[in-house]
Amino acid sequence: MVEHVPKQVGIRELKAHLSAYVKWAEAGHDITITDHGRPAARLVAPDPTSADVMPAGLRIGMAEGWISPALSRRPLRTIDRVASPTTIEQLLADDRGAE
């Protein structure tokens, strides 16, 4: 496999090393996919604000300014469970005003 990011790749080569080409596209490289030497398609990273990547509610919230995008992509930390003498059913009943 090639060490540098190619500007175009044949279908056979793409299939053989798909994950590497997807990582290159995700990093911002546009790669033209060829079929028998003829351009057939392009592999590009999606626009982070496009509808297929971000739900409409998030886009609206960001446009209105009450949601801000994450500053990093690191995984969330695990939250420890807290023991409670009250069950979920009791909490819901209290919230709904039932006894």
Foldseek 3Di string as FASTA:
>chain_A
DDPDQDQEEEPVVCVVPVVVNLVVQCVAHKYFYDYVNHGDDIRHHDDCLDCVNDPPVQNVCVVVPNDDDDPDDDDDDDDDDDDDPDDPVRVVCVVVVHD
